[in-house]
Each structure stands twice: as structure tokens, then as C-alpha cells.
C-alpha atoms as a PDB file:
ATOM      1  CA  MET A   1      48.713 -48.286  54.774  1.00  0.00           C
ATOM      2  CA  ALA A   2      48.037 -47.456  51.157  1.00  0.00           C
ATOM      3  CA  CYS A   3      50.606 -44.734  50.863  1.00  0.00           C
ATOM      4  CA  SER A   4      53.385 -47.120  52.038  1.00  0.00           C
ATOM      5  CA  THR A   5      52.165 -49.971  49.721  1.00  0.00           C
ATOM      6  CA  VAL A   6      54.344 -50.321  46.400  1.00  0.00           C
ATOM      7  CA  ASP A   7      52.066 -52.497  44.225  1.00  0.00           C
ATOM      8  CA  ASP A   8      49.401 -50.311  42.271  1.00  0.00           C
ATOM      9  CA  ASN A   9      46.844 -52.928  42.617  1.00  0.00           C
ATOM     10  CA  ASP A  10      47.174 -53.336  46.309  1.00  0.00           C
ATOM     11  CA  ARG A  11      47.314 -49.816  46.801  1.00  0.00           C
ATOM     12  CA  GLN A  12      44.182 -49.168  44.923  1.00  0.00           C
ATOM     13  CA  MET A  13      42.434 -52.030  46.842  1.00  0.00           C
ATOM     14  CA  LEU A  14      43.352 -50.468  50.127  1.00  0.00           C
ATOM     15  CA  LEU A  15      42.146 -46.924  48.909  1.00  0.00           C
ATOM     16  CA  ASP A  16      38.909 -48.416  47.859  1.00  0.00           C
ATOM     17  CA  GLN A  17      38.364 -50.070  51.104  1.00  0.00           C
ATOM     18  CA  SER A  18      39.287 -47.231  53.307  1.00  0.00           C
ATOM     19  CA  VAL A  19      38.750 -43.723  51.487  1.00  0.00           C
ATOM     20  CA  ASP A  20      35.519 -42.174  50.306  1.00  0.00           C
ATOM     21  CA  PRO A  21      35.850 -42.060  46.335  1.00  0.00           C
ATOM     22  CA  THR A  22      35.010 -38.418  46.268  1.00  0.00           C
ATOM     23  CA  CYS A  23      37.784 -37.497  48.752  1.00  0.00           C
ATOM     24  CA  VAL A  24      39.849 -34.325  48.299  1.00  0.00           C
ATOM     25  CA  TYR A  25      43.567 -34.796  49.611  1.00  0.00           C
ATOM     26  CA  THR A  26      45.313 -31.605  50.318  1.00  0.00           C
ATOM     27  CA  ASP A  27      48.737 -30.806  51.678  1.00  0.00           C
ATOM     28  CA  PRO A  28      51.058 -27.747  51.194  1.00  0.00           C
ATOM     29  CA  LEU A  29      52.464 -28.976  47.707  1.00  0.00           C
ATOM     30  CA  VAL A  30      49.612 -30.928  46.179  1.00  0.00           C
ATOM     31  CA  GLN A  31      45.841 -31.304  45.903  1.00  0.00           C
ATOM     32  CA  CYS A  32      44.266 -34.588  44.779  1.00  0.00           C
ATOM     33  CA  HIS A  33      40.539 -35.129  43.639  1.00  0.00           C
ATOM     34  CA  GLU A  34      39.230 -38.739  43.991  1.00  0.00           C
ATOM     35  CA  LEU A  35      41.014 -41.981  44.251  1.00  0.00           C
ATOM     36  CA  ASP A  36      42.816 -42.192  41.035  1.00  0.00           C
ATOM     37  CA  GLU A  37      44.718 -39.083  41.596  1.00  0.00           C
ATOM     38  CA  LEU A  38      45.464 -40.183  45.227  1.00  0.00           C
ATOM     39  CA  ASN A  39      46.785 -43.304  43.760  1.00  0.00           C
ATOM     40  CA  VAL A  40      48.934 -41.534  41.211  1.00  0.00           C
ATOM     41  CA  MET A  41      50.371 -39.392  43.900  1.00  0.00           C
ATOM     42  CA  TYR A  42      51.356 -42.269  46.197  1.00  0.00           C
ATOM     43  CA  ARG A  43      52.883 -44.243  43.315  1.00  0.00           C
ATOM     44  CA  SER A  44      54.968 -40.885  42.639  1.00  0.00           C
ATOM     45  CA  TYR A  45      55.942 -40.873  46.261  1.00  0.00           C
ATOM     46  CA  GLN A  46      56.886 -44.721  46.297  1.00  0.00           C
ATOM     47  CA  ARG A  47      59.199 -43.967  43.221  1.00  0.00           C
ATOM     48  CA  GLU A  48      61.007 -40.825  44.981  1.00  0.00           C
ATOM     49  CA  TYR A  49      61.158 -42.271  48.451  1.00  0.00           C
ATOM     50  CA  ALA A  50      61.531 -46.038  48.002  1.00  0.00           C
ATOM     51  CA  GLY A  51      61.802 -47.983  51.274  1.00  0.00           C
ATOM     52  CA  THR A  52      60.171 -45.344  53.355  1.00  0.00           C
ATOM     53  CA  SER A  53      56.786 -45.212  55.238  1.00  0.00           C
ATOM     54  CA  PHE A  54      54.552 -43.041  57.194  1.00  0.00           C
ATOM     55  CA  ARG A  55      53.665 -43.104  60.820  1.00  0.00           C
ATOM     56  CA  THR A  56      50.742 -41.013  62.115  1.00  0.00           C
ATOM     57  CA  THR A  57      51.558 -39.230  65.353  1.00  0.00           C
ATOM     58  CA  ARG A  58      48.191 -37.263  65.620  1.00  0.00           C
ATOM     59  CA  PHE A  59      44.760 -37.343  63.864  1.00  0.00           C
ATOM     60  CA  VAL A  60      41.958 -35.126  64.352  1.00  0.00           C
ATOM     61  CA  GLU A  61      38.651 -34.414  62.256  1.00  0.00           C
ATOM     62  CA  PRO A  62      37.871 -30.803  62.757  1.00  0.00           C
ATOM     63  CA  ASN A  63      34.715 -29.857  61.075  1.00  0.00           C
ATOM     64  CA  GLY A  64      34.241 -32.934  59.022  1.00  0.00           C
ATOM     65  CA  ARG A  65      37.708 -32.901  57.644  1.00  0.00           C
ATOM     66  CA  ALA A  66      40.763 -34.879  58.618  1.00  0.00           C
ATOM     67  CA  LEU A  67      44.037 -33.531  59.638  1.00  0.00           C
ATOM     68  CA  ALA A  68      47.087 -36.010  60.416  1.00  0.00           C
ATOM     69  CA  ASP A  69      50.540 -35.105  61.728  1.00  0.00           C
ATOM     70  CA  TRP A  70      53.114 -37.627  60.555  1.00  0.00           C
ATOM     71  CA  ASP A  71      56.747 -38.678  60.457  1.00  0.00           C
ATOM     72  CA  LEU A  72      58.389 -40.142  57.252  1.00  0.00           C
ATOM     73  CA  ILE A  73      60.172 -43.299  58.462  1.00  0.00           C
ATOM     74  CA  ASP A  74      63.319 -44.653  56.845  1.00  0.00           C
ATOM     75  CA  GLY A  75      63.944 -48.291  56.145  1.00  0.00           C
ATOM     76  CA  GLU A  76      65.692 -48.459  59.667  1.00  0.00           C
ATOM     77  CA  GLY A  77      62.683 -47.023  61.528  1.00  0.00           C
ATOM     78  CA  ASN A  78      64.191 -43.602  62.100  1.00  0.00           C
ATOM     79  CA  ALA A  79      61.916 -40.444  61.598  1.00  0.00           C
ATOM     80  CA  VAL A  80      63.550 -38.449  58.901  1.00  0.00           C
ATOM     81  CA  VAL A  81      60.899 -35.926  58.104  1.00  0.00           C
ATOM     82  CA  SER A  82      57.813 -34.626  60.074  1.00  0.00           C
ATOM     83  CA  GLY A  83      54.721 -33.070  58.546  1.00  0.00           C
ATOM     84  CA  ASN A  84      50.994 -32.867  58.222  1.00  0.00           C
ATOM     85  CA  SER A  85      48.195 -33.331  55.697  1.00  0.00           C
END
């Protein structure tokens, strides 16, 4: 999963393989346009929350958009925060 990958080049490769280059990512705190901004956001996340990852708990595509419910998982496998994007 690109958002949990620490290496910038590996993360960019994963994004290039799985995300439309014209994507718009939106959550309650941030909006990113295109892959470069998304990669910067994930880099910032990795610095602030090192050793964590995301687990998707629900994924739907209403009206051509994606909505994911997720848990933020700590290094021991415990869900520490739940949210959606």
C-alpha cells in the first residue's frame, strides 16, 4: 500500500501503478491534486506517524468516487484511530 511505504521512489512507483494521475484526494483535513501532491502528503504522514500503516475496513464507489473507511494500525497491529477518506 503506497501510503504505508516509507521509500519515496517505491511509494511513487506504487502510486503510478494504481492511481489515476489526475486523481483528487480529499479528507476532512487535506485535498491533493494529482500524484505528486499525494506522494508529498504520504511522505509527511510517514514522518509524523513512523511505524504505522492503514487497514481498509470498507470501500465503496458512489457516483464514480471512492470512499474508504480505515483504521490506523500501530507497530503491534492495534487499531489506534479510525477514519474515512
